């Protein structure tokens, strides 16, 4: 069983934000913004490539709920899902990073050299 399955099953403690029958949201242990929450399906999907459209629709509703609960739905937020090794996915369980609570800047390639990509 993967790390996030254990968190969803409450075998590993987390700082929970919200949950329902299908999804679980909890604070990231290494936050990159004042608000940094991970949102996962309770059912295991390796990545975004594996989730069904029907389940993704339900997840969208849950993400809206979490953003509102955290008070960032009006001020703005960012949703990120890393997919696969090249996408930076570290845990092989679909998860979305919900970041907000401050003006967010786009700097993930700030230290990259573009010639490395061509």
PDB file of N, CA and C in Angstrom:
ATOM      1  N   UNK A   1       0.850  -1.179   0.000  1.00  0.00           N
ATOM      2  CA  UNK A   1       0.000   0.000   0.000  1.00  0.00           C
ATOM      3  C   UNK A   1       0.895   1.241   0.000  1.00  0.00           C
ATOM      4  N   UNK A   2       0.545   2.224  -0.840  1.00  0.00           N
ATOM      5  CA  UNK A   2       1.381   3.416  -0.957  1.00  0.00           C
ATOM      6  C   UNK A   2       1.159   4.382   0.212  1.00  0.00           C
ATOM      7  N   UNK A   3       2.034   5.370   0.317  1.00  0.00           N
ATOM      8  CA  UNK A   3       2.002   6.361   1.387  1.00  0.00           C
ATOM      9  C   UNK A   3       0.652   7.069   1.460  1.00  0.00           C
ATOM     10  N   UNK A   4       0.132   7.537   0.329  1.00  0.00           N
ATOM     11  CA  UNK A   4      -1.117   8.291   0.352  1.00  0.00           C
ATOM     12  C   UNK A   4      -2.315   7.396   0.622  1.00  0.00           C
ATOM     13  N   UNK A   5      -2.265   6.143   0.217  1.00  0.00           N
ATOM     14  CA  UNK A   5      -3.334   5.200   0.592  1.00  0.00           C
ATOM     15  C   UNK A   5      -3.362   5.044   2.111  1.00  0.00           C
ATOM     16  N   UNK A   6      -2.187   4.960   2.730  1.00  0.00           N
ATOM     17  CA  UNK A   6      -2.108   4.839   4.188  1.00  0.00           C
ATOM     18  C   UNK A   6      -2.630   6.091   4.881  1.00  0.00           C
ATOM     19  N   UNK A   7      -2.351   7.258   4.304  1.00  0.00           N
ATOM     20  CA  UNK A   7      -2.876   8.504   4.878  1.00  0.00           C
ATOM     21  C   UNK A   7      -4.395   8.535   4.730  1.00  0.00           C
ATOM     22  N   UNK A   8      -4.904   8.176   3.555  1.00  0.00           N
ATOM     23  CA  UNK A   8      -6.355   8.167   3.329  1.00  0.00           C
ATOM     24  C   UNK A   8      -7.065   7.186   4.252  1.00  0.00           C
ATOM     25  N   UNK A   9      -6.393   6.071   4.564  1.00  0.00           N
ATOM     26  CA  UNK A   9      -6.961   5.064   5.466  1.00  0.00           C
ATOM     27  C   UNK A   9      -6.689   5.369   6.941  1.00  0.00           C
ATOM     28  N   UNK A  10      -6.037   6.512   7.185  1.00  0.00           N
ATOM     29  CA  UNK A  10      -5.717   6.978   8.543  1.00  0.00           C
ATOM     30  C   UNK A  10      -4.774   6.040   9.288  1.00  0.00           C
ATOM     31  N   UNK A  11      -3.955   5.326   8.525  1.00  0.00           N
ATOM     32  CA  UNK A  11      -2.904   4.501   9.119  1.00  0.00           C
ATOM     33  C   UNK A  11      -1.684   5.352   9.445  1.00  0.00           C
ATOM     34  N   UNK A  12      -1.566   6.489   8.759  1.00  0.00           N
ATOM     35  CA  UNK A  12      -0.514   7.476   9.011  1.00  0.00           C
ATOM     36  C   UNK A  12      -1.230   8.788   9.317  1.00  0.00           C
ATOM     37  N   UNK A  13      -0.870   9.453  10.412  1.00  0.00           N
ATOM     38  CA  UNK A  13      -1.559  10.703  10.754  1.00  0.00           C
ATOM     39  C   UNK A  13      -1.253  11.818   9.755  1.00  0.00           C
ATOM     40  N   UNK A  14      -2.213  12.730   9.627  1.00  0.00           N
ATOM     41  CA  UNK A  14      -2.033  13.905   8.776  1.00  0.00           C
ATOM     42  C   UNK A  14      -2.817  15.054   9.386  1.00  0.00           C
ATOM     43  N   UNK A  15      -2.563  16.231   8.896  1.00  0.00           N
ATOM     44  CA  UNK A  15      -3.287  17.419   9.321  1.00  0.00           C
ATOM     45  C   UNK A  15      -4.433  17.609   8.324  1.00  0.00           C
ATOM     46  N   UNK A  16      -5.550  16.948   8.586  1.00  0.00           N
ATOM     47  CA  UNK A  16      -6.669  16.918   7.655  1.00  0.00           C
ATOM     48  C   UNK A  16      -7.344  18.279   7.515  1.00  0.00           C
ATOM     49  N   UNK A  17      -7.833  18.525   6.298  1.00  0.00           N
ATOM     50  CA  UNK A  17      -8.584  19.743   5.988  1.00  0.00           C
ATOM     51  C   UNK A  17     -10.044  19.388   5.725  1.00  0.00           C
ATOM     52  N   UNK A  18     -10.267  18.383   4.892  1.00  0.00           N
ATOM     53  CA  UNK A  18     -11.630  17.986   4.520  1.00  0.00           C
ATOM     54  C   UNK A  18     -11.591  16.570   3.963  1.00  0.00           C
ATOM     55  N   UNK A  19     -12.740  15.920   4.002  1.00  0.00           N
ATOM     56  CA  UNK A  19     -12.852  14.611   3.363  1.00  0.00           C
ATOM     57  C   UNK A  19     -14.311  14.298   3.103  1.00  0.00           C
ATOM     58  N   UNK A  20     -14.514  13.405   2.165  1.00  0.00           N
ATOM     59  CA  UNK A  20     -15.834  12.843   1.918  1.00  0.00           C
ATOM     60  C   UNK A  20     -15.640  11.368   1.594  1.00  0.00           C
ATOM     61  N   UNK A  21     -16.618  10.729   1.017  1.00  0.00           N
ATOM     62  CA  UNK A  21     -16.510   9.296   0.733  1.00  0.00           C
ATOM     63  C   UNK A  21     -15.416   8.965  -0.279  1.00  0.00           C
ATOM     64  N   UNK A  22     -15.094   9.929  -1.162  1.00  0.00           N
ATOM     65  CA  UNK A  22     -14.172   9.649  -2.265  1.00  0.00           C
ATOM     66  C   UNK A  22     -12.805  10.330  -2.158  1.00  0.00           C
ATOM     67  N   UNK A  23     -12.716  11.430  -1.417  1.00  0.00           N
ATOM     68  CA  UNK A  23     -11.498  12.246  -1.437  1.00  0.00           C
ATOM     69  C   UNK A  23     -11.071  12.670  -0.045  1.00  0.00           C
ATOM     70  N   UNK A  24      -9.786  13.038   0.051  1.00  0.00           N
ATOM     71  CA  UNK A  24      -9.206  13.459   1.313  1.00  0.00           C
ATOM     72  C   UNK A  24      -8.252  14.608   1.034  1.00  0.00           C
ATOM     73  N   UNK A  25      -8.300  15.648   1.842  1.00  0.00           N
ATOM     74  CA  UNK A  25      -7.406  16.800   1.702  1.00  0.00           C
ATOM     75  C   UNK A  25      -6.667  17.010   3.019  1.00  0.00           C
ATOM     76  N   UNK A  26      -5.362  17.251   2.914  1.00  0.00           N
ATOM     77  CA  UNK A  26      -4.545  17.438   4.115  1.00  0.00           C
ATOM     78  C   UNK A  26      -3.395  18.382   3.805  1.00  0.00           C
ATOM     79  N   UNK A  27      -2.889  19.036   4.847  1.00  0.00           N
ATOM     80  CA  UNK A  27      -1.794  19.989   4.682  1.00  0.00           C
ATOM     81  C   UNK A  27      -0.506  19.265   4.297  1.00  0.00           C
ATOM     82  N   UNK A  28       0.221  19.850   3.346  1.00  0.00           N
ATOM     83  CA  UNK A  28       1.516  19.317   2.933  1.00  0.00           C
ATOM     84  C   UNK A  28       2.519  19.524   4.070  1.00  0.00           C
ATOM     85  N   UNK A  29       3.377  18.540   4.312  1.00  0.00           N
ATOM     86  CA  UNK A  29       4.359  18.663   5.396  1.00  0.00           C
ATOM     87  C   UNK A  29       5.536  19.553   5.019  1.00  0.00           C
ATOM     88  N   UNK A  30       5.658  19.898   3.734  1.00  0.00           N
ATOM     89  CA  UNK A  30       6.726  20.776   3.270  1.00  0.00           C
ATOM     90  C   UNK A  30       6.101  21.877   2.405  1.00  0.00           C
ATOM     91  N   UNK A  31       5.359  22.809   3.031  1.00  0.00           N
ATOM     92  CA  UNK A  31       4.583  23.786   2.259  1.00  0.00           C
ATOM     93  C   UNK A  31       5.438  24.740   1.433  1.00  0.00           C
ATOM     94  N   UNK A  32       4.916  25.062   0.245  1.00  0.00           N
ATOM     95  CA  UNK A  32       5.570  25.997  -0.669  1.00  0.00           C
ATOM     96  C   UNK A  32       4.816  27.312  -0.762  1.00  0.00           C
ATOM     97  N   UNK A  33       3.756  27.456   0.007  1.00  0.00           N
ATOM     98  CA  UNK A  33       2.936  28.671   0.052  1.00  0.00           C
ATOM     99  C   UNK A  33       2.251  28.694   1.418  1.00  0.00           C
ATOM    100  N   UNK A  34       1.698  29.856   1.818  1.00  0.00           N
ATOM    101  CA  UNK A  34       0.999  29.902   3.106  1.00  0.00           C
ATOM    102  C   UNK A  34      -0.106  28.842   3.217  1.00  0.00           C
ATOM    103  N   UNK A  35      -0.794  28.567   2.126  1.00  0.00           N
ATOM    104  CA  UNK A  35      -1.748  27.466   2.064  1.00  0.00           C
ATOM    105  C   UNK A  35      -1.193  26.462   1.062  1.00  0.00           C
ATOM    106  N   UNK A  36      -0.923  25.253   1.510  1.00  0.00           N
ATOM    107  CA  UNK A  36      -0.441  24.180   0.623  1.00  0.00           C
ATOM    108  C   UNK A  36      -1.059  22.881   1.108  1.00  0.00           C
ATOM    109  N   UNK A  37      -2.071  22.462   0.374  1.00  0.00           N
ATOM    110  CA  UNK A  37      -2.851  21.284   0.731  1.00  0.00           C
ATOM    111  C   UNK A  37      -2.731  20.262  -0.387  1.00  0.00           C
ATOM    112  N   UNK A  38      -2.667  18.998  -0.021  1.00  0.00           N
ATOM    113  CA  UNK A  38      -2.699  17.906  -0.986  1.00  0.00           C
ATOM    114  C   UNK A  38      -4.104  17.327  -1.013  1.00  0.00           C
ATOM    115  N   UNK A  39      -4.606  17.092  -2.205  1.00  0.00           N
ATOM    116  CA  UNK A  39      -5.940  16.528  -2.378  1.00  0.00           C
ATOM    117  C   UNK A  39      -5.791  15.224  -3.139  1.00  0.00           C
ATOM    118  N   UNK A  40      -6.298  14.142  -2.533  1.00  0.00           N
ATOM    119  CA  UNK A  40      -6.125  12.818  -3.118  1.00  0.00           C
ATOM    120  C   UNK A  40      -7.458  12.084  -3.199  1.00  0.00           C
ATOM    121  N   UNK A  41      -7.590  11.209  -4.183  1.00  0.00           N
ATOM    122  CA  UNK A  41      -8.731  10.287  -4.140  1.00  0.00           C
ATOM    123  C   UNK A  41      -8.414   9.195  -3.122  1.00  0.00           C
ATOM    124  N   UNK A  42      -9.412   8.707  -2.432  1.00  0.00           N
ATOM    125  CA  UNK A  42      -9.187   7.613  -1.484  1.00  0.00           C
ATOM    126  C   UNK A  42      -8.886   6.316  -2.221  1.00  0.00           C
ATOM    127  N   UNK A  43      -9.454   6.164  -3.398  1.00  0.00           N
ATOM    128  CA  UNK A  43      -9.146   5.004  -4.238  1.00  0.00           C
ATOM    129  C   UNK A  43      -7.815   5.280  -4.939  1.00  0.00           C
ATOM    130  N   UNK A  44      -6.974   4.287  -5.030  1.00  0.00           N
ATOM    131  CA  UNK A  44      -5.649   4.469  -5.633  1.00  0.00           C
ATOM    132  C   UNK A  44      -5.728   4.591  -7.156  1.00  0.00           C
ATOM    133  N   UNK A  45      -5.159   5.682  -7.656  1.00  0.00           N
ATOM    134  CA  UNK A  45      -4.871   5.890  -9.077  1.00  0.00           C
ATOM    135  C   UNK A  45      -3.410   6.302  -9.113  1.00  0.00           C
ATOM    136  N   UNK A  46      -2.606   5.693  -9.972  1.00  0.00           N
ATOM    137  CA  UNK A  46      -1.182   6.054 -10.019  1.00  0.00           C
ATOM    138  C   UNK A  46      -0.973   7.527 -10.345  1.00  0.00           C
ATOM    139  N   UNK A  47      -1.737   8.050 -11.308  1.00  0.00           N
ATOM    140  CA  UNK A  47      -1.559   9.442 -11.714  1.00  0.00           C
ATOM    141  C   UNK A  47      -2.818   9.925 -12.426  1.00  0.00           C
ATOM    142  N   UNK A  48      -2.786  11.154 -12.857  1.00  0.00           N
ATOM    143  CA  UNK A  48      -3.885  11.762 -13.613  1.00  0.00           C
ATOM    144  C   UNK A  48      -4.207  10.946 -14.864  1.00  0.00           C
ATOM    145  N   UNK A  49      -3.211  10.269 -15.429  1.00  0.00           N
ATOM    146  CA  UNK A  49      -3.427   9.447 -16.622  1.00  0.00           C
ATOM    147  C   UNK A  49      -4.399   8.302 -16.371  1.00  0.00           C
ATOM    148  N   UNK A  50      -4.626   7.925 -15.131  1.00  0.00           N
ATOM    149  CA  UNK A  50      -5.410   6.742 -14.806  1.00  0.00           C
ATOM    150  C   UNK A  50      -6.810   7.028 -14.272  1.00  0.00           C
ATOM    151  N   UNK A  51      -7.122   8.270 -13.965  1.00  0.00           N
ATOM    152  CA  UNK A  51      -8.428   8.577 -13.364  1.00  0.00           C
ATOM    153  C   UNK A  51      -9.497   8.708 -14.452  1.00  0.00           C
ATOM    154  N   UNK A  52     -10.713   8.320 -14.117  1.00  0.00           N
ATOM    155  CA  UNK A  52     -11.813   8.435 -15.067  1.00  0.00           C
ATOM    156  C   UNK A  52     -12.355   9.862 -15.080  1.00  0.00           C
ATOM    157  N   UNK A  53     -13.003  10.212 -16.171  1.00  0.00           N
ATOM    158  CA  UNK A  53     -13.610  11.535 -16.275  1.00  0.00           C
ATOM    159  C   UNK A  53     -14.690  11.727 -15.206  1.00  0.00           C
ATOM    160  N   UNK A  54     -15.448  10.679 -14.939  1.00  0.00           N
ATOM    161  CA  UNK A  54     -16.503  10.765 -13.926  1.00  0.00           C
ATOM    162  C   UNK A  54     -15.909  11.063 -12.550  1.00  0.00           C
ATOM    163  N   UNK A  55     -14.843  10.351 -12.176  1.00  0.00           N
ATOM    164  CA  UNK A  55     -14.208  10.578 -10.879  1.00  0.00           C
ATOM    165  C   UNK A  55     -13.555  11.961 -10.839  1.00  0.00           C
ATOM    166  N   UNK A  56     -12.981  12.397 -11.957  1.00  0.00           N
ATOM    167  CA  UNK A  56     -12.351  13.720 -12.001  1.00  0.00           C
ATOM    168  C   UNK A  56     -13.393  14.819 -11.818  1.00  0.00           C
ATOM    169  N   UNK A  57     -14.592  14.607 -12.356  1.00  0.00           N
ATOM    170  CA  UNK A  57     -15.666  15.574 -12.145  1.00  0.00           C
ATOM    171  C   UNK A  57     -16.009  15.718 -10.672  1.00  0.00           C
ATOM    172  N   UNK A  58     -16.073  14.598  -9.974  1.00  0.00           N
ATOM    173  CA  UNK A  58     -16.344  14.628  -8.532  1.00  0.00           C
ATOM    174  C   UNK A  58     -15.195  15.292  -7.777  1.00  0.00           C
ATOM    175  N   UNK A  59     -13.976  15.053  -8.245  1.00  0.00           N
ATOM    176  CA  UNK A  59     -12.819  15.653  -7.582  1.00  0.00           C
ATOM    177  C   UNK A  59     -12.833  17.170  -7.755  1.00  0.00           C
ATOM    178  N   UNK A  60     -13.268  17.640  -8.919  1.00  0.00           N
ATOM    179  CA  UNK A  60     -13.365  19.082  -9.162  1.00  0.00           C
ATOM    180  C   UNK A  60     -14.284  19.735  -8.138  1.00  0.00           C
ATOM    181  N   UNK A  61     -15.428  19.129  -7.889  1.00  0.00           N
ATOM    182  CA  UNK A  61     -16.367  19.653  -6.896  1.00  0.00           C
ATOM    183  C   UNK A  61     -15.718  19.682  -5.517  1.00  0.00           C
ATOM    184  N   UNK A  62     -14.965  18.635  -5.183  1.00  0.00           N
ATOM    185  CA  UNK A  62     -14.292  18.572  -3.884  1.00  0.00           C
ATOM    186  C   UNK A  62     -13.212  19.654  -3.779  1.00  0.00           C
ATOM    187  N   UNK A  63     -12.451  19.858  -4.825  1.00  0.00           N
ATOM    188  CA  UNK A  63     -11.415  20.900  -4.809  1.00  0.00           C
ATOM    189  C   UNK A  63     -12.054  22.276  -4.610  1.00  0.00           C
ATOM    190  N   UNK A  64     -13.168  22.545  -5.275  1.00  0.00           N
ATOM    191  CA  UNK A  64     -13.884  23.818  -5.064  1.00  0.00           C
ATOM    192  C   UNK A  64     -14.252  23.982  -3.594  1.00  0.00           C
ATOM    193  N   UNK A  65     -14.765  22.916  -2.983  1.00  0.00           N
ATOM    194  CA  UNK A  65     -15.153  22.931  -1.573  1.00  0.00           C
ATOM    195  C   UNK A  65     -13.945  23.239  -0.678  1.00  0.00           C
ATOM    196  N   UNK A  66     -12.824  22.578  -0.942  1.00  0.00           N
ATOM    197  CA  UNK A  66     -11.627  22.779  -0.119  1.00  0.00           C
ATOM    198  C   UNK A  66     -11.127  24.222  -0.249  1.00  0.00           C
ATOM    199  N   UNK A  67     -11.083  24.747  -1.459  1.00  0.00           N
ATOM    200  CA  UNK A  67     -10.634  26.137  -1.661  1.00  0.00           C
ATOM    201  C   UNK A  67     -11.521  27.109  -0.886  1.00  0.00           C
ATOM    202  N   UNK A  68     -12.813  26.856  -0.893  1.00  0.00           N
ATOM    203  CA  UNK A  68     -13.739  27.719  -0.148  1.00  0.00           C
ATOM    204  C   UNK A  68     -13.518  27.568   1.362  1.00  0.00           C
ATOM    205  N   UNK A  69     -13.347  26.328   1.836  1.00  0.00           N
ATOM    206  CA  UNK A  69     -13.081  26.078   3.262  1.00  0.00           C
ATOM    207  C   UNK A  69     -11.836  26.826   3.733  1.00  0.00           C
ATOM    208  N   UNK A  70     -10.832  26.884   2.880  1.00  0.00           N
ATOM    209  CA  UNK A  70      -9.561  27.523   3.235  1.00  0.00           C
ATOM    210  C   UNK A  70      -9.581  29.034   3.016  1.00  0.00           C
ATOM    211  N   UNK A  71     -10.674  29.544   2.447  1.00  0.00           N
ATOM    212  CA  UNK A  71     -10.814  30.981   2.251  1.00  0.00           C
ATOM    213  C   UNK A  71      -9.981  31.548   1.117  1.00  0.00           C
ATOM    214  N   UNK A  72      -9.625  30.712   0.135  1.00  0.00           N
ATOM    215  CA  UNK A  72      -8.807  31.196  -0.978  1.00  0.00           C
ATOM    216  C   UNK A  72      -9.554  31.163  -2.308  1.00  0.00           C
ATOM    217  N   UNK A  73     -10.830  30.792  -2.272  1.00  0.00           N
ATOM    218  CA  UNK A  73     -11.583  30.665  -3.516  1.00  0.00           C
ATOM    219  C   UNK A  73     -11.766  32.002  -4.226  1.00  0.00           C
ATOM    220  N   UNK A  74     -11.818  33.096  -3.513  1.00  0.00           N
ATOM    221  CA  UNK A  74     -11.992  34.411  -4.141  1.00  0.00           C
ATOM    222  C   UNK A  74     -10.653  35.075  -4.479  1.00  0.00           C
ATOM    223  N   UNK A  75      -9.677  34.928  -3.607  1.00  0.00           N
ATOM    224  CA  UNK A  75      -8.388  35.602  -3.822  1.00  0.00           C
ATOM    225  C   UNK A  75      -7.544  34.909  -4.888  1.00  0.00           C
ATOM    226  N   UNK A  76      -7.755  33.606  -5.065  1.00  0.00           N
ATOM    227  CA  UNK A  76      -7.036  32.872  -6.096  1.00  0.00           C
ATOM    228  C   UNK A  76      -6.127  31.798  -5.527  1.00  0.00           C
ATOM    229  N   UNK A  77      -5.857  30.828  -6.376  1.00  0.00           N
ATOM    230  CA  UNK A  77      -5.035  29.691  -5.976  1.00  0.00           C
ATOM    231  C   UNK A  77      -4.505  28.990  -7.211  1.00  0.00           C
ATOM    232  N   UNK A  78      -3.610  28.064  -6.983  1.00  0.00           N
ATOM    233  CA  UNK A  78      -3.022  27.260  -8.056  1.00  0.00           C
ATOM    234  C   UNK A  78      -3.246  25.793  -7.726  1.00  0.00           C
ATOM    235  N   UNK A  79      -3.546  25.017  -8.772  1.00  0.00           N
ATOM    236  CA  UNK A  79      -3.695  23.568  -8.644  1.00  0.00           C
ATOM    237  C   UNK A  79      -2.640  22.932  -9.533  1.00  0.00           C
ATOM    238  N   UNK A  80      -1.871  22.012  -8.971  1.00  0.00           N
ATOM    239  CA  UNK A  80      -0.796  21.349  -9.715  1.00  0.00           C
ATOM    240  C   UNK A  80      -0.889  19.845  -9.497  1.00  0.00           C
ATOM    241  N   UNK A  81      -0.735  19.091 -10.575  1.00  0.00           N
ATOM    242  CA  UNK A  81      -0.573  17.645 -10.460  1.00  0.00           C
ATOM    243  C   UNK A  81       0.632  17.253 -11.305  1.00  0.00           C
ATOM    244  N   UNK A  82       1.631  16.697 -10.668  1.00  0.00           N
ATOM    245  CA  UNK A  82       2.813  16.223 -11.377  1.00  0.00           C
ATOM    246  C   UNK A  82       2.539  14.802 -11.860  1.00  0.00           C
ATOM    247  N   UNK A  83       2.872  14.526 -13.108  1.00  0.00           N
ATOM    248  CA  UNK A  83       2.549  13.232 -13.714  1.00  0.00           C
ATOM    249  C   UNK A  83       3.819  12.603 -14.263  1.00  0.00           C
ATOM    250  N   UNK A  84       4.178  11.450 -13.723  1.00  0.00           N
ATOM    251  CA  UNK A  84       5.345  10.715 -14.197  1.00  0.00           C
ATOM    252  C   UNK A  84       6.661  11.323 -13.761  1.00  0.00           C
ATOM    253  N   UNK A  85       7.715  10.605 -14.066  1.00  0.00           N
ATOM    254  CA  UNK A  85       9.054  11.016 -13.638  1.00  0.00           C
ATOM    255  C   UNK A  85       9.460  12.376 -14.205  1.00  0.00           C
ATOM    256  N   UNK A  86       9.272  12.573 -15.507  1.00  0.00           N
ATOM    257  CA  UNK A  86       9.648  13.859 -16.102  1.00  0.00           C
ATOM    258  C   UNK A  86       8.786  15.009 -15.597  1.00  0.00           C
ATOM    259  N   UNK A  87       7.574  14.701 -15.153  1.00  0.00           N
ATOM    260  CA  UNK A  87       6.692  15.725 -14.600  1.00  0.00           C
ATOM    261  C   UNK A  87       6.957  16.026 -13.142  1.00  0.00           C
ATOM    262  N   UNK A  88       7.876  15.277 -12.520  1.00  0.00           N
ATOM    263  CA  UNK A  88       8.243  15.530 -11.129  1.00  0.00           C
ATOM    264  C   UNK A  88       7.398  14.802 -10.109  1.00  0.00           C
ATOM    265  N   UNK A  89       6.630  13.785 -10.532  1.00  0.00           N
ATOM    266  CA  UNK A  89       5.806  13.047  -9.583  1.00  0.00           C
ATOM    267  C   UNK A  89       6.689  12.217  -8.666  1.00  0.00           C
ATOM    268  N   UNK A  90       6.547  12.423  -7.359  1.00  0.00           N
ATOM    269  CA  UNK A  90       7.355  11.701  -6.373  1.00  0.00           C
ATOM    270  C   UNK A  90       6.579  10.570  -5.704  1.00  0.00           C
ATOM    271  N   UNK A  91       5.281  10.758  -5.509  1.00  0.00           N
ATOM    272  CA  UNK A  91       4.441   9.724  -4.912  1.00  0.00           C
ATOM    273  C   UNK A  91       3.508   9.204  -5.996  1.00  0.00           C
ATOM    274  N   UNK A  92       3.543   7.923  -6.247  1.00  0.00           N
ATOM    275  CA  UNK A  92       2.741   7.315  -7.316  1.00  0.00           C
ATOM    276  C   UNK A  92       1.309   7.069  -6.848  1.00  0.00           C
ATOM    277  N   UNK A  93       0.647   8.136  -6.479  1.00  0.00           N
ATOM    278  CA  UNK A  93      -0.771   8.150  -6.137  1.00  0.00           C
ATOM    279  C   UNK A  93      -1.240   9.527  -6.584  1.00  0.00           C
ATOM    280  N   UNK A  94      -2.260   9.567  -7.434  1.00  0.00           N
ATOM    281  CA  UNK A  94      -2.753  10.848  -7.928  1.00  0.00           C
ATOM    282  C   UNK A  94      -2.964  11.817  -6.777  1.00  0.00           C
ATOM    283  N   UNK A  95      -2.413  13.000  -6.918  1.00  0.00           N
ATOM    284  CA  UNK A  95      -2.635  14.047  -5.937  1.00  0.00           C
ATOM    285  C   UNK A  95      -2.512  15.403  -6.600  1.00  0.00           C
ATOM    286  N   UNK A  96      -3.276  16.323  -6.079  1.00  0.00           N
ATOM    287  CA  UNK A  96      -3.235  17.703  -6.537  1.00  0.00           C
ATOM    288  C   UNK A  96      -2.714  18.562  -5.405  1.00  0.00           C
ATOM    289  N   UNK A  97      -1.796  19.455  -5.740  1.00  0.00           N
ATOM    290  CA  UNK A  97      -1.312  20.456  -4.798  1.00  0.00           C
ATOM    291  C   UNK A  97      -2.222  21.667  -4.969  1.00  0.00           C
ATOM    292  N   UNK A  98      -2.817  22.133  -3.898  1.00  0.00           N
ATOM    293  CA  UNK A  98      -3.621  23.344  -3.894  1.00  0.00           C
ATOM    294  C   UNK A  98      -2.827  24.382  -3.114  1.00  0.00           C
ATOM    295  N   UNK A  99      -2.379  25.416  -3.809  1.00  0.00           N
ATOM    296  CA  UNK A  99      -1.526  26.437  -3.198  1.00  0.00           C
ATOM    297  C   UNK A  99      -2.205  27.793  -3.269  1.00  0.00           C
ATOM    298  N   UNK A 100      -2.080  28.573  -2.213  1.00  0.00           N
ATOM    299  CA  UNK A 100      -2.665  29.908  -2.193  1.00  0.00           C
ATOM    300  C   UNK A 100      -2.268  30.642  -0.933  1.00  0.00           C
ATOM    301  N   UNK A 101      -3.024  31.681  -0.644  1.00  0.00           N
ATOM    302  CA  UNK A 101      -2.773  32.466   0.560  1.00  0.00           C
ATOM    303  C   UNK A 101      -1.773  33.586   0.370  1.00  0.00           C
ATOM    304  N   UNK A 102      -1.266  33.753  -0.851  1.00  0.00           N
ATOM    305  CA  UNK A 102      -0.315  34.824  -1.169  1.00  0.00           C
ATOM    306  C   UNK A 102      -0.234  34.943  -2.689  1.00  0.00           C
ATOM    307  N   UNK A 103       0.386  36.005  -3.168  1.00  0.00           N
ATOM    308  CA  UNK A 103       0.634  36.158  -4.599  1.00  0.00           C
ATOM    309  C   UNK A 103       1.636  35.081  -5.003  1.00  0.00           C
ATOM    310  N   UNK A 104       1.238  34.201  -5.920  1.00  0.00           N
ATOM    311  CA  UNK A 104       2.089  33.098  -6.352  1.00  0.00           C
ATOM    312  C   UNK A 104       2.814  33.475  -7.641  1.00  0.00           C
ATOM    313  N   UNK A 105       4.080  33.151  -7.700  1.00  0.00           N
ATOM    314  CA  UNK A 105       4.890  33.429  -8.883  1.00  0.00           C
ATOM    315  C   UNK A 105       5.244  32.126  -9.568  1.00  0.00           C
ATOM    316  N   UNK A 106       5.519  32.194 -10.843  1.00  0.00           N
ATOM    317  CA  UNK A 106       5.845  31.010 -11.622  1.00  0.00           C
ATOM    318  C   UNK A 106       7.359  30.942 -11.737  1.00  0.00           C
ATOM    319  N   UNK A 107       8.002  30.098 -10.936  1.00  0.00           N
ATOM    320  CA  UNK A 107       9.450  30.063 -10.937  1.00  0.00           C
ATOM    321  C   UNK A 107      10.035  28.677 -11.002  1.00  0.00           C
ATOM    322  N   UNK A 108       9.271  27.684 -11.475  1.00  0.00           N
ATOM    323  CA  UNK A 108       9.782  26.320 -11.430  1.00  0.00           C
ATOM    324  C   UNK A 108      10.945  26.095 -12.381  1.00  0.00           C
ATOM    325  N   UNK A 109      11.121  26.951 -13.381  1.00  0.00           N
ATOM    326  CA  UNK A 109      12.268  26.828 -14.270  1.00  0.00           C
ATOM    327  C   UNK A 109      13.281  27.948 -14.029  1.00  0.00           C
ATOM    328  N   UNK A 110      13.181  28.609 -12.901  1.00  0.00           N
ATOM    329  CA  UNK A 110      14.048  29.756 -12.620  1.00  0.00           C
ATOM    330  C   UNK A 110      15.526  29.365 -12.668  1.00  0.00           C
ATOM    331  N   UNK A 111      15.873  28.154 -12.268  1.00  0.00           N
ATOM    332  CA  UNK A 111      17.263  27.745 -12.246  1.00  0.00           C
ATOM    333  C   UNK A 111      17.603  26.805 -13.406  1.00  0.00           C
ATOM    334  N   UNK A 112      16.679  26.622 -14.339  1.00  0.00           N
ATOM    335  CA  UNK A 112      16.909  25.720 -15.470  1.00  0.00           C
ATOM    336  C   UNK A 112      17.572  26.455 -16.631  1.00  0.00           C
ATOM    337  N   UNK A 113      18.370  25.733 -17.379  1.00  0.00           N
ATOM    338  CA  UNK A 113      18.999  26.268 -18.582  1.00  0.00           C
ATOM    339  C   UNK A 113      18.233  25.712 -19.766  1.00  0.00           C
ATOM    340  N   UNK A 114      17.623  26.593 -20.567  1.00  0.00           N
ATOM    341  CA  UNK A 114      16.751  26.144 -21.665  1.00  0.00           C
ATOM    342  C   UNK A 114      17.470  25.237 -22.659  1.00  0.00           C
ATOM    343  N   UNK A 115      18.773  25.363 -22.801  1.00  0.00           N
ATOM    344  CA  UNK A 115      19.482  24.501 -23.747  1.00  0.00           C
ATOM    345  C   UNK A 115      19.461  23.038 -23.299  1.00  0.00           C
ATOM    346  N   UNK A 116      19.148  22.785 -22.019  1.00  0.00           N
ATOM    347  CA  UNK A 116      19.031  21.415 -21.532  1.00  0.00           C
ATOM    348  C   UNK A 116      17.792  20.715 -22.077  1.00  0.00           C
ATOM    349  N   UNK A 117      16.852  21.488 -22.626  1.00  0.00           N
ATOM    350  CA  UNK A 117      15.579  20.915 -23.105  1.00  0.00           C
ATOM    351  C   UNK A 117      15.595  20.655 -24.603  1.00  0.00           C
ATOM    352  N   UNK A 118      16.600  21.108 -25.303  1.00  0.00           N
ATOM    353  CA  UNK A 118      16.613  20.983 -26.772  1.00  0.00           C
ATOM    354  C   UNK A 118      17.817  20.197 -27.255  1.00  0.00           C
TER     355      UNK A 118
END
